[in-house]
N, C-alpha and C. Protein backbone atom coordinates (compact mmCIF):
# COMPACT_ATOMS: atom_id res chain seq x y z
N MET A 1 0.64 -0.66 -0.02
CA MET A 1 0.12 -0.31 0.08
C MET A 1 0.85 1.16 0.46
N ALA A 2 0.28 2.06 -0.86
CA ALA A 2 1.61 3.61 -0.40
C ALA A 2 0.75 4.25 0.12
N ILE A 3 1.61 5.16 0.70
CA ILE A 3 1.62 5.70 2.52
C ILE A 3 0.49 7.51 1.56
N ASP A 4 0.18 7.31 0.16
CA ASP A 4 -0.72 7.99 -0.41
C ASP A 4 -2.04 7.99 0.24
N GLN A 5 -2.28 5.84 0.51
CA GLN A 5 -3.05 5.20 0.27
C GLN A 5 -3.57 5.58 1.64
N PHE A 6 -1.94 5.11 2.49
CA PHE A 6 -2.25 5.10 3.72
C PHE A 6 -3.08 6.23 4.40
N SER A 7 -2.03 7.92 4.76
CA SER A 7 -2.89 9.07 4.76
C SER A 7 -4.21 10.01 4.50
N GLY A 8 -4.74 9.45 2.96
CA GLY A 8 -6.26 9.16 2.74
C GLY A 8 -7.20 8.45 3.20
N SER A 9 -6.33 7.39 3.89
CA SER A 9 -7.73 6.57 4.29
C SER A 9 -8.68 6.99 5.54
N MET A 10 -9.54 6.45 5.21
CA MET A 10 -10.83 6.68 6.54
C MET A 10 -10.09 6.81 7.63
N PRO A 11 -9.54 5.39 8.75
CA PRO A 11 -8.76 5.91 9.72
C PRO A 11 -7.62 7.26 10.59
N MET A 12 -7.35 7.01 8.92
CA MET A 12 -5.82 8.59 8.70
C MET A 12 -7.07 10.51 8.80
N MET A 13 -7.68 9.92 7.70
CA MET A 13 -8.49 10.54 7.90
C MET A 13 -9.48 11.86 9.22
N LEU A 14 -9.80 10.40 9.75
CA LEU A 14 -10.91 10.85 10.92
C LEU A 14 -9.61 11.33 12.09
N ASN A 15 -8.98 10.60 12.34
CA ASN A 15 -7.89 10.63 12.97
C ASN A 15 -7.46 12.40 13.24
N ARG A 16 -6.78 13.01 11.86
CA ARG A 16 -6.76 14.23 11.44
C ARG A 16 -7.54 15.27 11.14
N ALA A 17 -9.59 14.16 11.13
CA ALA A 17 -10.80 15.68 10.92
C ALA A 17 -10.34 15.86 12.58
N LEU A 18 -10.39 15.19 13.38
CA LEU A 18 -10.14 15.24 15.28
C LEU A 18 -8.95 16.44 15.74
N ASP A 19 -7.91 15.95 14.62
CA ASP A 19 -6.65 16.59 15.14
C ASP A 19 -7.13 17.73 14.64
N ALA A 20 -8.31 18.39 14.03
CA ALA A 20 -7.96 19.65 13.19
C ALA A 20 -9.32 20.42 14.50
N VAL A 21 -10.14 19.72 14.66
CA VAL A 21 -10.78 20.09 15.26
C VAL A 21 -11.33 20.58 16.62
N MET A 22 -10.91 19.31 17.55
CA MET A 22 -10.69 18.98 18.81
C MET A 22 -9.80 19.91 19.58
N PRO A 23 -8.87 20.70 19.15
CA PRO A 23 -8.34 21.35 20.49
C PRO A 23 -8.92 23.41 19.94
N ARG A 24 -9.80 22.89 18.93
CA ARG A 24 -10.11 24.64 19.55
C ARG A 24 -11.49 24.37 20.53
N PHE A 25 -12.45 23.28 20.79
CA PHE A 25 -12.75 23.15 21.60
C PHE A 25 -12.66 22.15 22.98
N ARG A 26 -11.23 22.15 23.30
CA ARG A 26 -10.27 21.43 23.79
C ARG A 26 -10.12 23.03 24.85
N LYS A 27 -9.67 23.99 23.97
CA LYS A 27 -9.66 25.64 24.85
C LYS A 27 -11.03 26.42 25.67
N ILE A 28 -11.26 25.84 25.13
CA ILE A 28 -12.61 26.25 25.63
C ILE A 28 -12.86 25.33 27.02
N PHE A 29 -12.82 24.30 26.86
CA PHE A 29 -12.88 23.55 28.49
C PHE A 29 -11.75 24.19 28.97
N ASN A 30 -10.86 23.42 28.50
CA ASN A 30 -9.31 24.45 29.49
C ASN A 30 -9.46 25.48 29.71
N ASP A 31 -10.39 26.65 29.75
CA ASP A 31 -11.02 28.24 30.05
C ASP A 31 -10.99 28.03 31.29
N PHE A 32 -11.69 27.12 31.36
CA PHE A 32 -13.17 26.97 32.62
C PHE A 32 -12.85 25.72 32.96
N ASP A 33 -11.25 25.55 33.44
CA ASP A 33 -10.35 24.17 33.96
C ASP A 33 -11.15 22.24 33.98
N LEU A 34 -11.65 22.66 33.07
CA LEU A 34 -12.80 21.07 32.42
C LEU A 34 -11.90 21.02 31.36
N THR A 35 -11.77 19.31 32.03
CA THR A 35 -10.94 18.62 30.03
C THR A 35 -12.13 18.11 29.48
N GLU A 36 -11.59 17.17 28.73
CA GLU A 36 -12.38 16.89 26.86
C GLU A 36 -13.34 16.17 27.62
N GLN A 37 -12.93 15.55 28.48
CA GLN A 37 -14.26 14.48 29.16
C GLN A 37 -15.66 15.35 29.58
N GLN A 38 -14.71 16.17 30.71
CA GLN A 38 -15.69 16.94 31.42
C GLN A 38 -16.20 16.75 30.80
N GLY A 39 -15.86 18.08 29.91
CA GLY A 39 -16.79 19.12 28.64
C GLY A 39 -18.09 18.08 28.31
N ARG A 40 -17.81 16.47 27.44
CA ARG A 40 -18.67 15.90 27.08
C ARG A 40 -19.43 15.51 27.99
N VAL A 41 -19.49 15.38 29.45
CA VAL A 41 -20.40 15.17 30.31
C VAL A 41 -21.11 16.08 30.65
N LEU A 42 -20.69 17.37 30.75
CA LEU A 42 -21.51 18.62 30.78
C LEU A 42 -22.44 18.48 29.27
N ARG A 43 -22.05 18.57 28.26
CA ARG A 43 -22.84 18.43 27.33
C ARG A 43 -23.62 17.77 27.88
N VAL A 44 -23.80 16.74 28.39
CA VAL A 44 -24.92 15.71 27.91
C VAL A 44 -26.05 16.23 28.97
N LEU A 45 -25.44 16.41 30.09
CA LEU A 45 -26.11 16.81 30.58
C LEU A 45 -26.69 18.37 30.33
N TRP A 46 -26.60 18.83 29.98
CA TRP A 46 -27.40 20.36 29.73
C TRP A 46 -28.22 20.15 28.88
N GLU A 47 -27.91 18.97 28.19
CA GLU A 47 -29.60 18.63 27.51
C GLU A 47 -30.51 17.73 28.31
N HIS A 48 -29.79 16.75 29.41
CA HIS A 48 -30.41 16.16 29.83
C HIS A 48 -31.22 16.74 31.30
N ASP A 49 -30.51 16.84 31.76
CA ASP A 49 -30.58 17.68 33.46
C ASP A 49 -30.09 16.07 33.37
N SER A 50 -30.91 15.07 33.40
CA SER A 50 -30.20 13.98 34.28
C SER A 50 -30.16 12.75 33.81
N ILE A 51 -29.59 11.47 33.35
CA ILE A 51 -28.96 10.82 33.02
C ILE A 51 -28.62 8.92 33.78
N ALA A 52 -29.11 8.14 33.30
CA ALA A 52 -28.40 7.07 34.05
C ALA A 52 -27.14 6.93 33.76
N PHE A 53 -26.22 6.43 34.56
CA PHE A 53 -24.62 6.47 33.97
C PHE A 53 -24.48 5.58 33.34
N ARG A 54 -24.89 4.66 32.93
CA ARG A 54 -24.38 3.46 31.47
C ARG A 54 -25.09 4.46 30.52
N GLU A 55 -25.69 4.96 30.22
CA GLU A 55 -26.67 5.65 30.10
C GLU A 55 -25.38 7.26 28.99
N LEU A 56 -24.94 7.89 29.87
CA LEU A 56 -24.57 8.84 29.92
C LEU A 56 -22.81 8.00 29.11
N SER A 57 -22.58 7.48 29.97
CA SER A 57 -20.89 6.66 29.24
C SER A 57 -21.10 6.23 27.51
N ALA A 58 -21.99 5.44 27.36
CA ALA A 58 -22.48 5.51 26.08
C ALA A 58 -22.63 6.70 24.95
N LEU A 59 -23.22 7.72 25.39
CA LEU A 59 -23.47 9.69 24.78
C LEU A 59 -21.80 9.78 24.67
N THR A 60 -21.17 9.54 25.69
CA THR A 60 -19.79 10.77 25.28
C THR A 60 -19.17 9.62 25.12
N LEU A 61 -18.95 8.10 24.86
CA LEU A 61 -17.74 8.05 24.59
C LEU A 61 -16.77 6.99 25.55
N ILE A 62 -17.32 7.01 26.92
CA ILE A 62 -16.30 7.36 28.45
C ILE A 62 -16.57 5.82 28.89
N PRO A 63 -15.59 5.10 29.14
CA PRO A 63 -16.06 3.85 29.60
C PRO A 63 -16.58 3.53 30.99
N PRO A 64 -17.93 3.12 31.28
CA PRO A 64 -17.73 2.80 32.82
C PRO A 64 -16.59 3.44 33.87
N PRO A 65 -15.21 2.97 34.38
CA PRO A 65 -14.72 2.73 34.73
C PRO A 65 -13.84 4.25 34.42
N SER A 66 -13.60 4.78 33.58
CA SER A 66 -13.37 5.90 33.56
C SER A 66 -14.33 7.44 33.78
N LEU A 67 -15.21 6.92 33.78
CA LEU A 67 -16.44 7.97 33.78
C LEU A 67 -16.51 7.75 35.31
N VAL A 68 -16.06 7.09 36.27
CA VAL A 68 -16.52 7.12 37.54
C VAL A 68 -15.21 7.73 37.85
N GLY A 69 -14.00 8.14 36.83
CA GLY A 69 -13.33 9.22 37.89
C GLY A 69 -13.64 10.88 37.74
N VAL A 70 -14.17 10.72 36.37
CA VAL A 70 -14.17 11.65 35.80
C VAL A 70 -15.94 12.79 36.39
N ILE A 71 -16.40 11.83 36.50
CA ILE A 71 -17.41 12.51 37.43
C ILE A 71 -17.68 12.58 38.96
N ASP A 72 -16.96 12.18 39.51
CA ASP A 72 -15.91 12.44 40.83
C ASP A 72 -15.40 13.68 41.24
N ARG A 73 -14.95 14.10 39.88
CA ARG A 73 -14.15 15.22 39.70
C ARG A 73 -14.97 16.28 39.64
N LEU A 74 -16.37 16.18 38.64
CA LEU A 74 -16.74 17.27 38.67
C LEU A 74 -18.07 17.94 39.77
N GLN A 75 -17.98 15.88 40.76
CA GLN A 75 -19.06 16.27 41.68
C GLN A 75 -18.33 17.07 42.39
N LYS A 76 -16.72 16.76 42.95
CA LYS A 76 -16.04 18.02 43.32
C LYS A 76 -15.77 19.23 43.62
N ALA A 77 -15.92 19.35 42.11
CA ALA A 77 -16.93 20.79 41.73
C ALA A 77 -17.55 21.01 42.46
N ASP A 78 -18.62 20.83 42.59
CA ASP A 78 -19.95 20.70 42.57
C ASP A 78 -20.85 21.25 41.37
N LEU A 79 -20.31 20.48 40.11
CA LEU A 79 -20.87 20.54 39.18
C LEU A 79 -22.32 19.84 38.58
N VAL A 80 -22.07 18.23 39.22
CA VAL A 80 -22.70 17.27 38.87
C VAL A 80 -22.68 16.37 40.53
N GLY A 81 -24.19 16.26 40.19
CA GLY A 81 -24.11 15.35 41.66
C GLY A 81 -24.84 13.69 41.27
N ARG A 82 -24.56 12.84 41.93
CA ARG A 82 -25.74 10.93 41.62
C ARG A 82 -26.48 11.42 43.21
N ARG A 83 -26.87 10.80 42.17
CA ARG A 83 -28.35 9.43 42.74
C ARG A 83 -28.27 8.10 42.94
N ARG A 84 -28.82 7.74 43.90
CA ARG A 84 -29.22 6.32 43.54
C ARG A 84 -30.73 5.93 43.74
N SER A 85 -30.69 4.82 42.91
CA SER A 85 -32.22 4.58 42.29
C SER A 85 -33.27 3.32 44.08
N ASP A 86 -33.69 3.96 44.24
CA ASP A 86 -34.07 3.86 45.08
C ASP A 86 -34.86 2.55 44.83
N ALA A 87 -35.40 1.57 43.35
CA ALA A 87 -36.07 0.45 42.95
C ALA A 87 -34.79 0.02 43.49
N ASP A 88 -33.53 0.20 42.93
CA ASP A 88 -32.12 -0.81 42.90
C ASP A 88 -30.80 0.11 42.85
N ARG A 89 -30.46 0.06 44.43
CA ARG A 89 -29.30 0.90 44.50
C ARG A 89 -28.17 0.48 43.28
N ARG A 90 -28.27 -0.22 42.70
CA ARG A 90 -26.68 -0.44 41.64
C ARG A 90 -26.99 0.50 40.55
N LYS A 91 -28.18 1.07 40.57
CA LYS A 91 -28.73 2.07 39.35
C LYS A 91 -28.26 3.77 39.59
N VAL A 92 -27.92 4.29 39.15
CA VAL A 92 -27.28 5.34 39.23
C VAL A 92 -27.43 6.07 38.37
N SER A 93 -28.05 7.29 38.58
CA SER A 93 -27.98 8.56 38.33
C SER A 93 -26.72 10.01 38.44
N VAL A 94 -26.93 10.90 36.78
CA VAL A 94 -26.25 11.82 36.63
C VAL A 94 -26.85 12.96 36.76
N TYR A 95 -26.62 13.70 37.50
CA TYR A 95 -27.11 15.21 37.30
C TYR A 95 -25.95 16.18 37.60
N VAL A 96 -26.64 17.20 36.39
CA VAL A 96 -26.16 18.82 36.99
C VAL A 96 -27.08 19.81 37.62
N THR A 97 -25.89 19.62 38.05
CA THR A 97 -26.28 21.15 39.90
C THR A 97 -26.76 22.46 39.33
N GLU A 98 -27.27 23.13 40.01
CA GLU A 98 -27.34 25.05 39.48
C GLU A 98 -25.82 25.08 39.51
N ALA A 99 -24.57 25.15 39.84
CA ALA A 99 -23.62 25.40 39.33
C ALA A 99 -22.99 24.93 38.03
N GLY A 100 -23.35 24.38 37.79
CA GLY A 100 -23.17 23.02 36.48
C GLY A 100 -23.96 23.68 35.49
N LYS A 101 -24.85 24.59 35.78
CA LYS A 101 -26.58 25.14 34.81
C LYS A 101 -25.58 26.67 34.42
N GLU A 102 -25.35 27.15 35.69
CA GLU A 102 -24.23 28.63 35.44
C GLU A 102 -23.52 28.39 34.06
N LEU A 103 -22.82 27.41 34.82
CA LEU A 103 -21.55 27.02 33.67
C LEU A 103 -21.78 27.32 32.20
N GLU A 104 -23.33 26.14 31.29
CA GLU A 104 -23.66 25.73 30.75
C GLU A 104 -23.66 28.01 29.84
N ALA A 105 -24.10 28.77 30.92
CA ALA A 105 -24.23 29.86 30.09
C ALA A 105 -23.04 30.74 29.73
N ARG A 106 -21.85 30.47 30.47
CA ARG A 106 -20.64 30.78 30.14
C ARG A 106 -20.20 29.93 28.83
N ILE A 107 -20.08 29.07 28.81
CA ILE A 107 -19.15 28.07 28.15
C ILE A 107 -19.76 27.99 26.44
N MET A 108 -21.14 27.89 26.50
CA MET A 108 -21.71 27.56 25.79
C MET A 108 -22.00 28.73 24.15
N PRO A 109 -22.01 29.01 24.36
CA PRO A 109 -21.34 30.57 23.02
C PRO A 109 -21.02 30.06 22.57
N ARG A 110 -19.57 29.95 23.19
CA ARG A 110 -17.94 29.68 22.59
C ARG A 110 -17.82 28.78 22.36
N VAL A 111 -18.69 27.79 23.13
CA VAL A 111 -19.06 26.21 21.82
C VAL A 111 -19.77 27.11 20.46
N ALA A 112 -20.95 26.96 20.50
CA ALA A 112 -21.89 27.52 19.51
C ALA A 112 -20.71 28.35 18.09
N SER A 113 -20.13 29.39 19.05
CA SER A 113 -19.51 30.01 18.11
C SER A 113 -18.19 29.42 17.16
N THR A 114 -17.88 28.54 18.17
CA THR A 114 -16.79 27.23 17.62
C THR A 114 -17.16 26.34 16.28
N TYR A 115 -18.04 26.18 16.40
CA TYR A 115 -19.67 25.23 15.56
C TYR A 115 -19.34 26.49 14.03
N ALA A 116 -20.05 27.96 14.55
CA ALA A 116 -20.43 28.65 13.20
C ALA A 116 -18.91 28.47 12.60
N GLU A 117 -18.36 28.73 12.85
CA GLU A 117 -16.55 29.17 12.25
C GLU A 117 -16.55 27.73 11.98
N LEU A 118 -16.47 26.51 12.58
CA LEU A 118 -15.99 25.04 11.93
C LEU A 118 -16.96 25.17 10.83
N LYS A 119 -17.55 25.40 10.16
CA LYS A 119 -19.07 24.97 9.09
C LYS A 119 -18.58 26.08 8.45
N GLN A 120 -18.62 27.41 8.37
CA GLN A 120 -17.33 28.56 6.99
C GLN A 120 -16.83 27.73 6.14
N THR A 121 -15.50 26.55 6.93
CA THR A 121 -14.74 26.34 5.92
C THR A 121 -15.14 25.39 5.26
N VAL A 122 -16.61 25.30 5.06
CA VAL A 122 -16.42 24.83 3.70
C VAL A 122 -18.77 25.21 3.48
N ASP A 123 -19.01 24.26 2.70
CA ASP A 123 -20.52 25.05 1.65
C ASP A 123 -21.50 23.92 2.56
N ALA A 124 -22.46 24.61 3.20
CA ALA A 124 -23.24 24.03 3.73
C ALA A 124 -23.50 22.95 2.98
N ALA A 125 -23.96 22.19 2.12
CA ALA A 125 -24.19 21.04 1.20
C ALA A 125 -22.58 19.92 1.45
N SER A 126 -21.55 20.24 1.70
CA SER A 126 -20.63 19.88 2.22
C SER A 126 -20.71 18.79 3.64
N TRP A 127 -20.49 20.11 4.36
CA TRP A 127 -21.35 20.21 5.79
C TRP A 127 -22.70 19.08 6.12
N THR A 128 -22.65 18.81 5.48
CA THR A 128 -24.41 17.94 5.88
C THR A 128 -23.62 16.83 5.47
N SER A 129 -23.82 17.06 4.19
CA SER A 129 -23.11 15.16 3.60
C SER A 129 -21.44 14.89 4.72
N ALA A 130 -21.04 15.70 4.62
CA ALA A 130 -20.57 14.43 6.02
C ALA A 130 -20.63 14.03 7.25
N LEU A 131 -21.63 15.10 7.59
CA LEU A 131 -22.05 14.12 8.83
C LEU A 131 -23.46 13.60 8.94
N ARG A 132 -24.22 13.86 7.48
CA ARG A 132 -24.87 12.31 7.24
C ARG A 132 -24.55 11.27 7.15
N GLY A 133 -22.94 10.80 6.22
CA GLY A 133 -22.00 9.99 5.64
C GLY A 133 -21.83 9.16 6.97
N LEU A 134 -21.16 10.46 8.10
CA LEU A 134 -20.76 9.81 9.35
C LEU A 134 -21.74 8.33 9.98
N LYS A 135 -23.04 9.73 10.49
CA LYS A 135 -24.04 8.87 11.05
C LYS A 135 -24.19 7.83 10.15
N GLN A 136 -24.33 7.18 8.58
CA GLN A 136 -24.78 6.27 7.91
C GLN A 136 -23.71 4.87 8.29
N ILE A 137 -22.66 5.34 8.36
CA ILE A 137 -20.89 4.60 8.99
C ILE A 137 -21.21 3.52 10.17
N VAL A 138 -21.37 4.84 10.90
CA VAL A 138 -21.69 4.63 12.23
C VAL A 138 -22.61 3.51 12.62
N ALA A 139 -23.87 4.04 11.91
CA ALA A 139 -25.43 3.37 12.21
C ALA A 139 -25.35 2.00 11.76
N ALA A 140 -24.73 1.50 10.60
CA ALA A 140 -24.07 0.58 9.90
C ALA A 140 -23.09 0.05 10.98
N LEU A 141 -22.32 0.18 11.16
CA LEU A 141 -21.44 -0.55 12.07
C LEU A 141 -21.69 -0.88 13.27
N GLU A 142 -22.51 -0.13 13.82
CA GLU A 142 -23.11 -0.82 14.91
C GLU A 142 -24.50 -1.30 14.62
N GLN A 143 -25.04 -1.38 13.99
CA GLN A 143 -25.87 -2.54 13.56
C GLN A 143 -25.55 -4.03 13.36
N GLN A 144 -23.98 -3.62 12.76
CA GLN A 144 -23.72 -5.00 12.15
C GLN A 144 -23.31 -5.88 13.52
N ALA A 145 -22.25 -5.06 14.48
CA ALA A 145 -22.00 -5.38 16.01
C ALA A 145 -22.92 -5.67 16.26
N ALA A 146 -24.45 -5.41 16.67
CA ALA A 146 -25.26 -5.69 17.28
C ALA A 146 -25.81 -7.01 16.96
N GLY A 147 -25.10 -7.06 15.28
CA GLY A 147 -26.13 -8.94 14.68
C GLY A 147 -25.02 -9.79 15.06
N ASP A 148 -23.91 -9.20 15.48
CA ASP A 148 -22.32 -10.53 15.92
C ASP A 148 -22.40 -10.78 17.09
């Protein structure tokens, strides 16, 4: 395989895209003393207020053992809290605190601005097509994995 084929392969292009995009978002979260993973957790909680731990893990792509530490640090900063189910003590939900909600008002305008800047790098049809294509690939592979 020629090096051009390797550098233009899907895995390498996805890595290059992440390397081009993520530093912009990491900077925003770093400015608020948050890691990228903590930012992902808060983004989900800002949309859901409260969510089951396992679902939070799936949505943020953070494995449960690692998510425990992320939640611990966010809880120590009073940005999130935990609730155990009365019906099943093994089930834990995570919720955003008032301080966490207040942080949303400071972070999300910058996130929205960054998205707007990124969208301006290509025409709207290319942006939509890229997202649609990625979603189709993910859905097909997840469906395939579920059938295995």
